Each structure stands twice: as structure tokens, then as C-alpha cells.
Amino acid sequence: MTFSTTLQLMTKGFSDIPDLAPKESSLLESSAIREGIVTVPAIGSTASVTTIEYEPALVEDFHEKLEQLVSRTEKSRHSETRGDDNGFSHVRASLMGPSLTLPVSRGRLVLGTWQQIVFIDHDNRP
């Protein structure tokens, strides 16, 4: 059995991390899949998908570490060449990865207690 759907998100950009937990469980329930795998892709070159313990302090820590790793204020050759000032967002997305594949068992995603799937919009505009 195969099931495919698209989820459209509104984000603020700048590594905004919306909580997908409420949406992910209802999408899986509507699929009727009991056993298998789920692949969650981030469409576009400035977004990524990962898991995190979705709580405000950790999200702030994540943003701070991401800024230390790939600062949005540093000049990039991409931004200088293209004039769009989002070189940092392409690098961040590439480092984190464009998709996530997780097992499904008994109709539920197999995740740790404090593990939630998150989409991260690294671009400098919503």
C-alpha cells in the first residue's frame, strides 16, 4: 500500500521551526498504513526536516548553535553572485538534509518519547 500527500506550511523564515506533531499523527491516521516507513521530504533548497524535542528553550538553543555554525550575517559568494542574501540558508539546509525516513508500527510513527518531526525553513524570507 502506498499513500502520498502534501502538507503546506506557512513559516516566518530565518530557521523558523513549526511544530508538526499535531499534523503528522492525523496524516498517518488518514493513510490507514499500519506497518511500513514514512518519508518526509523538504521540497526546496533552503529547507530541511529533522527531529528535535520541541520545547521553547531547546528551539532557542538550536537557533543559537545554527547561527554559530552558519551565520546569516557572514558574506557568502552565493549571495554576492546572486544578490539574494540567502547563501546561508542553502548551506544550513544542505548540512541538515532534505528528508527524514521513519518506521511505522501499529499505525504510529516509531519515535522516542521526546522526539518530534520538525520542518525548518532556513530562508531569509517567509
PDB file of N, CA and C in Angstrom:
ATOM      1  N   MET A   1       0.847  -1.177   0.000  1.00  0.00           N
ATOM      2  CA  MET A   1       0.000   0.000   0.000  1.00  0.00           C
ATOM      3  C   MET A   1       0.895   1.243   0.000  1.00  0.00           C
ATOM      4  N   THR A   2       0.544   2.195  -0.817  1.00  0.00           N
ATOM      5  CA  THR A   2       1.273   3.458  -0.889  1.00  0.00           C
ATOM      6  C   THR A   2       0.302   4.599  -0.614  1.00  0.00           C
ATOM      7  N   PHE A   3       0.779   5.596   0.093  1.00  0.00           N
ATOM      8  CA  PHE A   3      -0.024   6.776   0.404  1.00  0.00           C
ATOM      9  C   PHE A   3       0.869   7.992   0.227  1.00  0.00           C
ATOM     10  N   SER A   4       0.352   9.022  -0.407  1.00  0.00           N
ATOM     11  CA  SER A   4       1.127  10.247  -0.606  1.00  0.00           C
ATOM     12  C   SER A   4       0.220  11.448  -0.389  1.00  0.00           C
ATOM     13  N   THR A   5       0.758  12.448   0.269  1.00  0.00           N
ATOM     14  CA  THR A   5       0.014  13.686   0.475  1.00  0.00           C
ATOM     15  C   THR A   5       1.007  14.834   0.584  1.00  0.00           C
ATOM     16  N   THR A   6       0.508  16.031   0.478  1.00  0.00           N
ATOM     17  CA  THR A   6       1.344  17.227   0.588  1.00  0.00           C
ATOM     18  C   THR A   6       0.829  18.081   1.730  1.00  0.00           C
ATOM     19  N   LEU A   7       1.743  18.583   2.503  1.00  0.00           N
ATOM     20  CA  LEU A   7       1.415  19.459   3.620  1.00  0.00           C
ATOM     21  C   LEU A   7       2.016  20.824   3.324  1.00  0.00           C
ATOM     22  N   GLN A   8       1.186  21.849   3.244  1.00  0.00           N
ATOM     23  CA  GLN A   8       1.685  23.202   3.016  1.00  0.00           C
ATOM     24  C   GLN A   8       1.779  23.925   4.349  1.00  0.00           C
ATOM     25  N   LEU A   9       2.925  24.585   4.561  1.00  0.00           N
ATOM     26  CA  LEU A   9       3.183  25.274   5.819  1.00  0.00           C
ATOM     27  C   LEU A   9       3.440  26.747   5.575  1.00  0.00           C
ATOM     28  N   MET A  10       3.001  27.569   6.487  1.00  0.00           N
ATOM     29  CA  MET A  10       3.344  28.986   6.486  1.00  0.00           C
ATOM     30  C   MET A  10       4.421  29.166   7.548  1.00  0.00           C
ATOM     31  N   THR A  11       5.552  29.749   7.156  1.00  0.00           N
ATOM     32  CA  THR A  11       6.651  29.940   8.099  1.00  0.00           C
ATOM     33  C   THR A  11       7.090  31.394   8.100  1.00  0.00           C
ATOM     34  N   LYS A  12       7.955  31.719   9.047  1.00  0.00           N
ATOM     35  CA  LYS A  12       8.488  33.073   9.163  1.00  0.00           C
ATOM     36  C   LYS A  12       9.864  33.198   8.522  1.00  0.00           C
ATOM     37  N   GLY A  13      10.420  32.101   8.017  1.00  0.00           N
ATOM     38  CA  GLY A  13      11.781  32.113   7.501  1.00  0.00           C
ATOM     39  C   GLY A  13      12.783  32.175   8.641  1.00  0.00           C
ATOM     40  N   PHE A  14      14.054  32.412   8.299  1.00  0.00           N
ATOM     41  CA  PHE A  14      15.132  32.538   9.286  1.00  0.00           C
ATOM     42  C   PHE A  14      15.152  31.369  10.269  1.00  0.00           C
ATOM     43  N   SER A  15      15.106  30.160   9.739  1.00  0.00           N
ATOM     44  CA  SER A  15      15.156  28.911  10.512  1.00  0.00           C
ATOM     45  C   SER A  15      13.971  28.748  11.453  1.00  0.00           C
ATOM     46  N   ASP A  16      12.825  29.228  11.018  1.00  0.00           N
ATOM     47  CA  ASP A  16      11.582  29.018  11.760  1.00  0.00           C
ATOM     48  C   ASP A  16      11.314  27.513  11.841  1.00  0.00           C
ATOM     49  N   ILE A  17      10.856  27.062  13.004  1.00  0.00           N
ATOM     50  CA  ILE A  17      10.608  25.640  13.229  1.00  0.00           C
ATOM     51  C   ILE A  17       9.167  25.444  13.697  1.00  0.00           C
ATOM     52  N   PRO A  18       8.232  25.257  12.772  1.00  0.00           N
ATOM     53  CA  PRO A  18       6.859  24.984  13.209  1.00  0.00           C
ATOM     54  C   PRO A  18       6.739  23.565  13.768  1.00  0.00           C
ATOM     55  N   ASP A  19       5.884  23.390  14.742  1.00  0.00           N
ATOM     56  CA  ASP A  19       5.634  22.089  15.358  1.00  0.00           C
ATOM     57  C   ASP A  19       4.703  21.286  14.455  1.00  0.00           C
ATOM     58  N   LEU A  20       5.174  20.160  13.947  1.00  0.00           N
ATOM     59  CA  LEU A  20       4.366  19.338  13.047  1.00  0.00           C
ATOM     60  C   LEU A  20       3.612  18.226  13.758  1.00  0.00           C
ATOM     61  N   ALA A  21       3.833  18.049  15.056  1.00  0.00           N
ATOM     62  CA  ALA A  21       3.233  16.920  15.782  1.00  0.00           C
ATOM     63  C   ALA A  21       1.724  16.801  15.588  1.00  0.00           C
ATOM     64  N   PRO A  22       0.954  17.881  15.707  1.00  0.00           N
ATOM     65  CA  PRO A  22      -0.500  17.725  15.522  1.00  0.00           C
ATOM     66  C   PRO A  22      -0.879  17.254  14.115  1.00  0.00           C
ATOM     67  N   LYS A  23      -0.125  17.695  13.116  1.00  0.00           N
ATOM     68  CA  LYS A  23      -0.445  17.339  11.732  1.00  0.00           C
ATOM     69  C   LYS A  23       0.013  15.925  11.386  1.00  0.00           C
ATOM     70  N   GLU A  24       1.201  15.539  11.886  1.00  0.00           N
ATOM     71  CA  GLU A  24       1.766  14.252  11.474  1.00  0.00           C
ATOM     72  C   GLU A  24       0.908  13.067  11.902  1.00  0.00           C
ATOM     73  N   SER A  25       0.363  13.104  13.099  1.00  0.00           N
ATOM     74  CA  SER A  25      -0.440  11.963  13.549  1.00  0.00           C
ATOM     75  C   SER A  25      -1.749  11.856  12.770  1.00  0.00           C
ATOM     76  N   SER A  26      -2.393  12.983  12.471  1.00  0.00           N
ATOM     77  CA  SER A  26      -3.656  12.914  11.720  1.00  0.00           C
ATOM     78  C   SER A  26      -3.422  12.473  10.275  1.00  0.00           C
ATOM     79  N   LEU A  27      -2.291  12.866   9.679  1.00  0.00           N
ATOM     80  CA  LEU A  27      -1.990  12.423   8.314  1.00  0.00           C
ATOM     81  C   LEU A  27      -1.756  10.920   8.272  1.00  0.00           C
ATOM     82  N   LEU A  28      -1.034  10.415   9.245  1.00  0.00           N
ATOM     83  CA  LEU A  28      -0.771   8.980   9.280  1.00  0.00           C
ATOM     84  C   LEU A  28      -2.062   8.192   9.509  1.00  0.00           C
ATOM     85  N   GLU A  29      -2.918   8.682  10.375  1.00  0.00           N
ATOM     86  CA  GLU A  29      -4.204   8.014  10.615  1.00  0.00           C
ATOM     87  C   GLU A  29      -5.044   7.953   9.342  1.00  0.00           C
ATOM     88  N   SER A  30      -5.048   9.037   8.568  1.00  0.00           N
ATOM     89  CA  SER A  30      -5.851   9.060   7.340  1.00  0.00           C
ATOM     90  C   SER A  30      -5.289   8.143   6.261  1.00  0.00           C
ATOM     91  N   SER A  31      -4.042   7.724   6.393  1.00  0.00           N
ATOM     92  CA  SER A  31      -3.422   6.862   5.386  1.00  0.00           C
ATOM     93  C   SER A  31      -3.836   5.403   5.523  1.00  0.00           C
ATOM     94  N   ALA A  32      -4.244   4.983   6.702  1.00  0.00           N
ATOM     95  CA  ALA A  32      -4.600   3.592   7.003  1.00  0.00           C
ATOM     96  C   ALA A  32      -3.397   2.652   6.944  1.00  0.00           C
ATOM     97  N   ILE A  33      -2.197   3.183   6.891  1.00  0.00           N
ATOM     98  CA  ILE A  33      -0.990   2.353   6.903  1.00  0.00           C
ATOM     99  C   ILE A  33      -0.711   1.920   8.339  1.00  0.00           C
ATOM    100  N   ARG A  34      -0.525   0.625   8.529  1.00  0.00           N
ATOM    101  CA  ARG A  34      -0.277   0.080   9.868  1.00  0.00           C
ATOM    102  C   ARG A  34       1.199  -0.248  10.080  1.00  0.00           C
ATOM    103  N   GLU A  35       1.875  -0.734   9.052  1.00  0.00           N
ATOM    104  CA  GLU A  35       3.291  -1.110   9.149  1.00  0.00           C
ATOM    105  C   GLU A  35       4.000  -0.599   7.903  1.00  0.00           C
ATOM    106  N   GLY A  36       5.214  -0.100   8.065  1.00  0.00           N
ATOM    107  CA  GLY A  36       5.974   0.357   6.908  1.00  0.00           C
ATOM    108  C   GLY A  36       6.921   1.477   7.263  1.00  0.00           C
ATOM    109  N   ILE A  37       7.138   2.351   6.303  1.00  0.00           N
ATOM    110  CA  ILE A  37       8.005   3.508   6.520  1.00  0.00           C
ATOM    111  C   ILE A  37       7.333   4.765   5.984  1.00  0.00           C
ATOM    112  N   VAL A  38       7.728   5.885   6.550  1.00  0.00           N
ATOM    113  CA  VAL A  38       7.256   7.195   6.099  1.00  0.00           C
ATOM    114  C   VAL A  38       8.482   8.008   5.722  1.00  0.00           C
ATOM    115  N   THR A  39       8.440   8.619   4.569  1.00  0.00           N
ATOM    116  CA  THR A  39       9.492   9.548   4.165  1.00  0.00           C
ATOM    117  C   THR A  39       8.891  10.941   4.127  1.00  0.00           C
ATOM    118  N   VAL A  40       9.546  11.854   4.835  1.00  0.00           N
ATOM    119  CA  VAL A  40       9.091  13.244   4.912  1.00  0.00           C
ATOM    120  C   VAL A  40      10.141  14.110   4.220  1.00  0.00           C
ATOM    121  N   PRO A  41       9.852  14.610   3.013  1.00  0.00           N
ATOM    122  CA  PRO A  41      10.821  15.454   2.312  1.00  0.00           C
ATOM    123  C   PRO A  41      10.567  16.939   2.558  1.00  0.00           C
ATOM    124  N   ALA A  42      11.630  17.707   2.495  1.00  0.00           N
ATOM    125  CA  ALA A  42      11.512  19.171   2.477  1.00  0.00           C
ATOM    126  C   ALA A  42      11.750  19.580   1.029  1.00  0.00           C
ATOM    127  N   ILE A  43      10.739  20.085   0.381  1.00  0.00           N
ATOM    128  CA  ILE A  43      10.857  20.475  -1.018  1.00  0.00           C
ATOM    129  C   ILE A  43      11.476  21.868  -1.077  1.00  0.00           C
ATOM    130  N   GLY A  44      12.569  21.997  -1.808  1.00  0.00           N
ATOM    131  CA  GLY A  44      13.258  23.274  -1.932  1.00  0.00           C
ATOM    132  C   GLY A  44      14.672  23.175  -1.388  1.00  0.00           C
ATOM    133  N   SER A  45      15.511  24.089  -1.802  1.00  0.00           N
ATOM    134  CA  SER A  45      16.932  24.031  -1.434  1.00  0.00           C
ATOM    135  C   SER A  45      17.279  24.838  -0.193  1.00  0.00           C
ATOM    136  N   THR A  46      16.283  25.408   0.482  1.00  0.00           N
ATOM    137  CA  THR A  46      16.556  26.196   1.688  1.00  0.00           C
ATOM    138  C   THR A  46      15.750  25.696   2.888  1.00  0.00           C
ATOM    139  N   ALA A  47      15.361  24.433   2.860  1.00  0.00           N
ATOM    140  CA  ALA A  47      14.589  23.863   3.970  1.00  0.00           C
ATOM    141  C   ALA A  47      15.139  22.490   4.317  1.00  0.00           C
ATOM    142  N   SER A  48      14.838  22.042   5.524  1.00  0.00           N
ATOM    143  CA  SER A  48      15.259  20.716   5.959  1.00  0.00           C
ATOM    144  C   SER A  48      14.212  20.116   6.889  1.00  0.00           C
ATOM    145  N   VAL A  49      14.354  18.815   7.109  1.00  0.00           N
ATOM    146  CA  VAL A  49      13.474  18.083   8.015  1.00  0.00           C
ATOM    147  C   VAL A  49      14.357  17.286   8.965  1.00  0.00           C
ATOM    148  N   THR A  50      14.017  17.315  10.245  1.00  0.00           N
ATOM    149  CA  THR A  50      14.760  16.547  11.243  1.00  0.00           C
ATOM    150  C   THR A  50      13.841  16.248  12.416  1.00  0.00           C
ATOM    151  N   THR A  51      14.408  15.721  13.487  1.00  0.00           N
ATOM    152  CA  THR A  51      13.647  15.542  14.721  1.00  0.00           C
ATOM    153  C   THR A  51      14.323  16.334  15.830  1.00  0.00           C
ATOM    154  N   ILE A  52      13.519  16.742  16.787  1.00  0.00           N
ATOM    155  CA  ILE A  52      14.013  17.513  17.927  1.00  0.00           C
ATOM    156  C   ILE A  52      13.013  17.341  19.071  1.00  0.00           C
ATOM    157  N   GLU A  53      13.457  17.573  20.276  1.00  0.00           N
ATOM    158  CA  GLU A  53      12.500  17.703  21.375  1.00  0.00           C
ATOM    159  C   GLU A  53      11.939  19.107  21.243  1.00  0.00           C
ATOM    160  N   TYR A  54      10.684  19.206  20.837  1.00  0.00           N
ATOM    161  CA  TYR A  54      10.105  20.510  20.521  1.00  0.00           C
ATOM    162  C   TYR A  54       9.635  21.201  21.795  1.00  0.00           C
ATOM    163  N   GLU A  55      10.537  21.970  22.375  1.00  0.00           N
ATOM    164  CA  GLU A  55      10.193  22.794  23.535  1.00  0.00           C
ATOM    165  C   GLU A  55      10.947  24.108  23.388  1.00  0.00           C
ATOM    166  N   PRO A  56      10.379  25.217  23.846  1.00  0.00           N
ATOM    167  CA  PRO A  56      10.900  26.550  23.554  1.00  0.00           C
ATOM    168  C   PRO A  56      12.385  26.766  23.865  1.00  0.00           C
ATOM    169  N   ALA A  57      12.874  26.307  25.007  1.00  0.00           N
ATOM    170  CA  ALA A  57      14.279  26.530  25.353  1.00  0.00           C
ATOM    171  C   ALA A  57      15.209  25.799  24.394  1.00  0.00           C
ATOM    172  N   LEU A  58      14.851  24.579  24.011  1.00  0.00           N
ATOM    173  CA  LEU A  58      15.693  23.828  23.087  1.00  0.00           C
ATOM    174  C   LEU A  58      15.647  24.433  21.686  1.00  0.00           C
ATOM    175  N   VAL A  59      14.503  24.923  21.281  1.00  0.00           N
ATOM    176  CA  VAL A  59      14.402  25.592  19.979  1.00  0.00           C
ATOM    177  C   VAL A  59      15.300  26.832  19.963  1.00  0.00           C
ATOM    178  N   GLU A  60      15.327  27.592  21.051  1.00  0.00           N
ATOM    179  CA  GLU A  60      16.237  28.747  21.147  1.00  0.00           C
ATOM    180  C   GLU A  60      17.694  28.301  21.097  1.00  0.00           C
ATOM    181  N   ASP A  61      18.043  27.239  21.836  1.00  0.00           N
ATOM    182  CA  ASP A  61      19.408  26.703  21.795  1.00  0.00           C
ATOM    183  C   ASP A  61      19.779  26.298  20.375  1.00  0.00           C
ATOM    184  N   PHE A  62      18.844  25.651  19.686  1.00  0.00           N
ATOM    185  CA  PHE A  62      19.077  25.208  18.316  1.00  0.00           C
ATOM    186  C   PHE A  62      19.390  26.402  17.416  1.00  0.00           C
ATOM    187  N   HIS A  63      18.590  27.464  17.526  1.00  0.00           N
ATOM    188  CA  HIS A  63      18.819  28.663  16.713  1.00  0.00           C
ATOM    189  C   HIS A  63      20.191  29.273  16.998  1.00  0.00           C
ATOM    190  N   GLU A  64      20.577  29.345  18.268  1.00  0.00           N
ATOM    191  CA  GLU A  64      21.885  29.905  18.629  1.00  0.00           C
ATOM    192  C   GLU A  64      23.020  29.092  18.024  1.00  0.00           C
ATOM    193  N   LYS A  65      22.962  27.773  18.135  1.00  0.00           N
ATOM    194  CA  LYS A  65      24.024  26.912  17.599  1.00  0.00           C
ATOM    195  C   LYS A  65      24.060  26.970  16.082  1.00  0.00           C
ATOM    196  N   LEU A  66      22.909  27.028  15.453  1.00  0.00           N
ATOM    197  CA  LEU A  66      22.857  27.124  13.998  1.00  0.00           C
ATOM    198  C   LEU A  66      23.487  28.434  13.530  1.00  0.00           C
ATOM    199  N   GLU A  67      23.225  29.512  14.250  1.00  0.00           N
ATOM    200  CA  GLU A  67      23.810  30.816  13.910  1.00  0.00           C
ATOM    201  C   GLU A  67      25.327  30.788  14.089  1.00  0.00           C
ATOM    202  N   GLN A  68      25.812  30.108  15.120  1.00  0.00           N
ATOM    203  CA  GLN A  68      27.258  29.985  15.325  1.00  0.00           C
ATOM    204  C   GLN A  68      27.902  29.175  14.205  1.00  0.00           C
ATOM    205  N   LEU A  69      27.218  28.146  13.759  1.00  0.00           N
ATOM    206  CA  LEU A  69      27.754  27.270  12.725  1.00  0.00           C
ATOM    207  C   LEU A  69      27.750  27.932  11.349  1.00  0.00           C
ATOM    208  N   VAL A  70      26.625  28.520  10.972  1.00  0.00           N
ATOM    209  CA  VAL A  70      26.474  29.179   9.665  1.00  0.00           C
ATOM    210  C   VAL A  70      25.735  30.488   9.904  1.00  0.00           C
ATOM    211  N   SER A  71      26.498  31.554  10.088  1.00  0.00           N
ATOM    212  CA  SER A  71      25.910  32.853  10.418  1.00  0.00           C
ATOM    213  C   SER A  71      25.217  33.477   9.211  1.00  0.00           C
ATOM    214  N   ARG A  72      24.072  34.059   9.465  1.00  0.00           N
ATOM    215  CA  ARG A  72      23.359  34.734   8.370  1.00  0.00           C
ATOM    216  C   ARG A  72      23.965  36.092   8.053  1.00  0.00           C
ATOM    217  N   THR A  73      24.842  36.616   8.922  1.00  0.00           N
ATOM    218  CA  THR A  73      25.452  37.927   8.679  1.00  0.00           C
ATOM    219  C   THR A  73      26.785  37.835   7.937  1.00  0.00           C
ATOM    220  N   GLU A  74      27.360  36.632   7.854  1.00  0.00           N
ATOM    221  CA  GLU A  74      28.602  36.468   7.097  1.00  0.00           C
ATOM    222  C   GLU A  74      28.320  36.576   5.607  1.00  0.00           C
ATOM    223  N   LYS A  75      29.243  37.196   4.897  1.00  0.00           N
ATOM    224  CA  LYS A  75      29.090  37.281   3.443  1.00  0.00           C
ATOM    225  C   LYS A  75      29.289  35.898   2.832  1.00  0.00           C
ATOM    226  N   SER A  76      28.564  35.637   1.758  1.00  0.00           N
ATOM    227  CA  SER A  76      28.745  34.374   1.036  1.00  0.00           C
ATOM    228  C   SER A  76      28.893  34.670  -0.450  1.00  0.00           C
ATOM    229  N   ARG A  77      29.652  33.827  -1.123  1.00  0.00           N
ATOM    230  CA  ARG A  77      29.835  34.006  -2.567  1.00  0.00           C
ATOM    231  C   ARG A  77      28.494  33.865  -3.292  1.00  0.00           C
ATOM    232  N   HIS A  78      27.652  32.959  -2.827  1.00  0.00           N
ATOM    233  CA  HIS A  78      26.332  32.790  -3.453  1.00  0.00           C
ATOM    234  C   HIS A  78      25.548  34.103  -3.395  1.00  0.00           C
ATOM    235  N   SER A  79      25.525  34.712  -2.220  1.00  0.00           N
ATOM    236  CA  SER A  79      24.759  35.954  -2.061  1.00  0.00           C
ATOM    237  C   SER A  79      25.346  37.082  -2.894  1.00  0.00           C
ATOM    238  N   GLU A  80      26.680  37.149  -2.957  1.00  0.00           N
ATOM    239  CA  GLU A  80      27.321  38.191  -3.768  1.00  0.00           C
ATOM    240  C   GLU A  80      27.050  37.981  -5.247  1.00  0.00           C
ATOM    241  N   THR A  81      27.044  36.732  -5.692  1.00  0.00           N
ATOM    242  CA  THR A  81      26.816  36.419  -7.105  1.00  0.00           C
ATOM    243  C   THR A  81      25.355  36.597  -7.495  1.00  0.00           C
ATOM    244  N   ARG A  82      24.457  36.110  -6.639  1.00  0.00           N
ATOM    245  CA  ARG A  82      23.034  36.107  -6.961  1.00  0.00           C
ATOM    246  C   ARG A  82      22.287  37.334  -6.465  1.00  0.00           C
ATOM    247  N   GLY A  83      22.863  38.021  -5.474  1.00  0.00           N
ATOM    248  CA  GLY A  83      22.222  39.220  -4.949  1.00  0.00           C
ATOM    249  C   GLY A  83      20.980  38.966  -4.121  1.00  0.00           C
ATOM    250  N   ASP A  84      20.813  37.733  -3.625  1.00  0.00           N
ATOM    251  CA  ASP A  84      19.594  37.443  -2.866  1.00  0.00           C
ATOM    252  C   ASP A  84      19.834  37.246  -1.368  1.00  0.00           C
ATOM    253  N   ASP A  85      21.058  37.374  -0.922  1.00  0.00           N
ATOM    254  CA  ASP A  85      21.405  37.334   0.507  1.00  0.00           C
ATOM    255  C   ASP A  85      20.919  36.099   1.251  1.00  0.00           C
ATOM    256  N   ASN A  86      20.749  34.978   0.582  1.00  0.00           N
ATOM    257  CA  ASN A  86      20.312  33.777   1.298  1.00  0.00           C
ATOM    258  C   ASN A  86      21.287  32.610   1.161  1.00  0.00           C
ATOM    259  N   GLY A  87      22.544  32.907   0.902  1.00  0.00           N
ATOM    260  CA  GLY A  87      23.547  31.844   0.816  1.00  0.00           C
ATOM    261  C   GLY A  87      23.591  30.996   2.072  1.00  0.00           C
ATOM    262  N   PHE A  88      23.467  31.647   3.222  1.00  0.00           N
ATOM    263  CA  PHE A  88      23.490  30.916   4.495  1.00  0.00           C
ATOM    264  C   PHE A  88      22.380  29.877   4.577  1.00  0.00           C
ATOM    265  N   SER A  89      21.223  30.187   4.012  1.00  0.00           N
ATOM    266  CA  SER A  89      20.088  29.266   4.117  1.00  0.00           C
ATOM    267  C   SER A  89      20.311  28.000   3.288  1.00  0.00           C
ATOM    268  N   HIS A  90      20.966  28.127   2.145  1.00  0.00           N
ATOM    269  CA  HIS A  90      21.290  26.954   1.333  1.00  0.00           C
ATOM    270  C   HIS A  90      22.285  26.055   2.068  1.00  0.00           C
ATOM    271  N   VAL A  91      23.295  26.659   2.701  1.00  0.00           N
ATOM    272  CA  VAL A  91      24.298  25.882   3.432  1.00  0.00           C
ATOM    273  C   VAL A  91      23.654  25.172   4.619  1.00  0.00           C
ATOM    274  N   ARG A  92      22.846  25.880   5.381  1.00  0.00           N
ATOM    275  CA  ARG A  92      22.177  25.266   6.537  1.00  0.00           C
ATOM    276  C   ARG A  92      21.321  24.076   6.106  1.00  0.00           C
ATOM    277  N   ALA A  93      20.548  24.261   5.054  1.00  0.00           N
ATOM    278  CA  ALA A  93      19.678  23.181   4.579  1.00  0.00           C
ATOM    279  C   ALA A  93      20.495  21.981   4.106  1.00  0.00           C
ATOM    280  N   SER A  94      21.599  22.234   3.419  1.00  0.00           N
ATOM    281  CA  SER A  94      22.441  21.137   2.937  1.00  0.00           C
ATOM    282  C   SER A  94      23.065  20.360   4.086  1.00  0.00           C
ATOM    283  N   LEU A  95      23.485  21.062   5.127  1.00  0.00           N
ATOM    284  CA  LEU A  95      24.090  20.391   6.279  1.00  0.00           C
ATOM    285  C   LEU A  95      23.084  19.533   7.044  1.00  0.00           C
ATOM    286  N   MET A  96      21.849  19.960   7.094  1.00  0.00           N
ATOM    287  CA  MET A  96      20.840  19.240   7.879  1.00  0.00           C
ATOM    288  C   MET A  96      20.148  18.131   7.094  1.00  0.00           C
ATOM    289  N   GLY A  97      20.025  18.292   5.801  1.00  0.00           N
ATOM    290  CA  GLY A  97      19.426  17.244   4.983  1.00  0.00           C
ATOM    291  C   GLY A  97      18.002  17.534   4.552  1.00  0.00           C
ATOM    292  N   PRO A  98      17.635  17.005   3.371  1.00  0.00           N
ATOM    293  CA  PRO A  98      16.346  17.323   2.770  1.00  0.00           C
ATOM    294  C   PRO A  98      15.198  16.386   3.124  1.00  0.00           C
ATOM    295  N   SER A  99      15.466  15.303   3.861  1.00  0.00           N
ATOM    296  CA  SER A  99      14.357  14.387   4.152  1.00  0.00           C
ATOM    297  C   SER A  99      14.642  13.548   5.389  1.00  0.00           C
ATOM    298  N   LEU A 100      13.601  12.878   5.825  1.00  0.00           N
ATOM    299  CA  LEU A 100      13.666  12.029   7.008  1.00  0.00           C
ATOM    300  C   LEU A 100      12.817  10.797   6.719  1.00  0.00           C
ATOM    301  N   THR A 101      13.338   9.622   7.019  1.00  0.00           N
ATOM    302  CA  THR A 101      12.586   8.385   6.843  1.00  0.00           C
ATOM    303  C   THR A 101      12.458   7.702   8.200  1.00  0.00           C
ATOM    304  N   LEU A 102      11.224   7.361   8.571  1.00  0.00           N
ATOM    305  CA  LEU A 102      10.939   6.786   9.886  1.00  0.00           C
ATOM    306  C   LEU A 102      10.065   5.546   9.755  1.00  0.00           C
ATOM    307  N   PRO A 103      10.218   4.605  10.677  1.00  0.00           N
ATOM    308  CA  PRO A 103       9.357   3.423  10.653  1.00  0.00           C
ATOM    309  C   PRO A 103       7.958   3.709  11.200  1.00  0.00           C
ATOM    310  N   VAL A 104       7.007   2.931  10.703  1.00  0.00           N
ATOM    311  CA  VAL A 104       5.631   2.962  11.200  1.00  0.00           C
ATOM    312  C   VAL A 104       5.332   1.573  11.751  1.00  0.00           C
ATOM    313  N   SER A 105       4.811   1.525  12.955  1.00  0.00           N
ATOM    314  CA  SER A 105       4.431   0.261  13.572  1.00  0.00           C
ATOM    315  C   SER A 105       3.083   0.433  14.272  1.00  0.00           C
ATOM    316  N   ARG A 106       2.165  -0.477  13.973  1.00  0.00           N
ATOM    317  CA  ARG A 106       0.817  -0.428  14.551  1.00  0.00           C
ATOM    318  C   ARG A 106       0.116   0.903  14.278  1.00  0.00           C
ATOM    319  N   GLY A 107       0.383   1.461  13.108  1.00  0.00           N
ATOM    320  CA  GLY A 107      -0.269   2.701  12.698  1.00  0.00           C
ATOM    321  C   GLY A 107       0.297   3.962  13.309  1.00  0.00           C
ATOM    322  N   ARG A 108       1.458   3.845  13.975  1.00  0.00           N
ATOM    323  CA  ARG A 108       2.061   5.020  14.625  1.00  0.00           C
ATOM    324  C   ARG A 108       3.525   5.140  14.220  1.00  0.00           C
ATOM    325  N   LEU A 109       3.996   6.381  14.147  1.00  0.00           N
ATOM    326  CA  LEU A 109       5.419   6.593  13.903  1.00  0.00           C
ATOM    327  C   LEU A 109       6.217   6.075  15.089  1.00  0.00           C
ATOM    328  N   VAL A 110       7.349   5.451  14.806  1.00  0.00           N
ATOM    329  CA  VAL A 110       8.221   4.970  15.872  1.00  0.00           C
ATOM    330  C   VAL A 110       9.206   6.095  16.188  1.00  0.00           C
ATOM    331  N   LEU A 111       8.915   6.806  17.278  1.00  0.00           N
ATOM    332  CA  LEU A 111       9.729   7.939  17.726  1.00  0.00           C
ATOM    333  C   LEU A 111       9.976   7.809  19.222  1.00  0.00           C
ATOM    334  N   GLY A 112      11.044   8.437  19.691  1.00  0.00           N
ATOM    335  CA  GLY A 112      11.296   8.480  21.116  1.00  0.00           C
ATOM    336  C   GLY A 112      10.267   9.358  21.812  1.00  0.00           C
ATOM    337  N   THR A 113      10.199   9.235  23.118  1.00  0.00           N
ATOM    338  CA  THR A 113       9.214   9.972  23.911  1.00  0.00           C
ATOM    339  C   THR A 113       9.251  11.468  23.649  1.00  0.00           C
ATOM    340  N   TRP A 114      10.438  12.038  23.559  1.00  0.00           N
ATOM    341  CA  TRP A 114      10.583  13.492  23.407  1.00  0.00           C
ATOM    342  C   TRP A 114      10.996  13.883  21.994  1.00  0.00           C
ATOM    343  N   GLN A 115      10.745  13.040  21.036  1.00  0.00           N
ATOM    344  CA  GLN A 115      11.198  13.265  19.664  1.00  0.00           C
ATOM    345  C   GLN A 115      10.016  13.639  18.781  1.00  0.00           C
ATOM    346  N   GLN A 116      10.107  14.810  18.148  1.00  0.00           N
ATOM    347  CA  GLN A 116       9.073  15.253  17.214  1.00  0.00           C
ATOM    348  C   GLN A 116       9.709  15.589  15.864  1.00  0.00           C
ATOM    349  N   ILE A 117       8.956  15.374  14.805  1.00  0.00           N
ATOM    350  CA  ILE A 117       9.408  15.750  13.464  1.00  0.00           C
ATOM    351  C   ILE A 117       9.208  17.246  13.299  1.00  0.00           C
ATOM    352  N   VAL A 118      10.238  17.914  12.784  1.00  0.00           N
ATOM    353  CA  VAL A 118      10.120  19.348  12.524  1.00  0.00           C
ATOM    354  C   VAL A 118      10.617  19.674  11.119  1.00  0.00           C
ATOM    355  N   PHE A 119       9.991  20.657  10.540  1.00  0.00           N
ATOM    356  CA  PHE A 119      10.388  21.255   9.268  1.00  0.00           C
ATOM    357  C   PHE A 119      11.105  22.551   9.628  1.00  0.00           C
ATOM    358  N   ILE A 120      12.229  22.817   8.977  1.00  0.00           N
ATOM    359  CA  ILE A 120      12.964  24.046   9.267  1.00  0.00           C
ATOM    360  C   ILE A 120      13.124  24.846   7.980  1.00  0.00           C
ATOM    361  N   ASP A 121      12.576  26.046   7.981  1.00  0.00           N
ATOM    362  CA  ASP A 121      12.679  26.964   6.843  1.00  0.00           C
ATOM    363  C   ASP A 121      13.857  27.893   7.102  1.00  0.00           C
ATOM    364  N   HIS A 122      14.967  27.647   6.414  1.00  0.00           N
ATOM    365  CA  HIS A 122      16.187  28.419   6.642  1.00  0.00           C
ATOM    366  C   HIS A 122      16.243  29.708   5.832  1.00  0.00           C
ATOM    367  N   ASP A 123      15.321  29.915   4.920  1.00  0.00           N
ATOM    368  CA  ASP A 123      15.415  31.070   4.022  1.00  0.00           C
ATOM    369  C   ASP A 123      15.274  32.388   4.783  1.00  0.00           C
ATOM    370  N   ASN A 124      15.684  33.470   4.141  1.00  0.00           N
ATOM    371  CA  ASN A 124      15.631  34.788   4.785  1.00  0.00           C
ATOM    372  C   ASN A 124      14.330  35.530   4.483  1.00  0.00           C
ATOM    373  N   ARG A 125      13.341  34.793   4.070  1.00  0.00           N
ATOM    374  CA  ARG A 125      12.009  35.375   3.843  1.00  0.00           C
ATOM    375  C   ARG A 125      10.984  34.259   4.058  1.00  0.00           C
ATOM    376  N   PRO A 126       9.793  34.617   4.459  1.00  0.00           N
ATOM    377  CA  PRO A 126       8.760  33.581   4.683  1.00  0.00           C
ATOM    378  C   PRO A 126       8.382  32.859   3.403  1.00  0.00           C
TER     379      PRO A 126
END
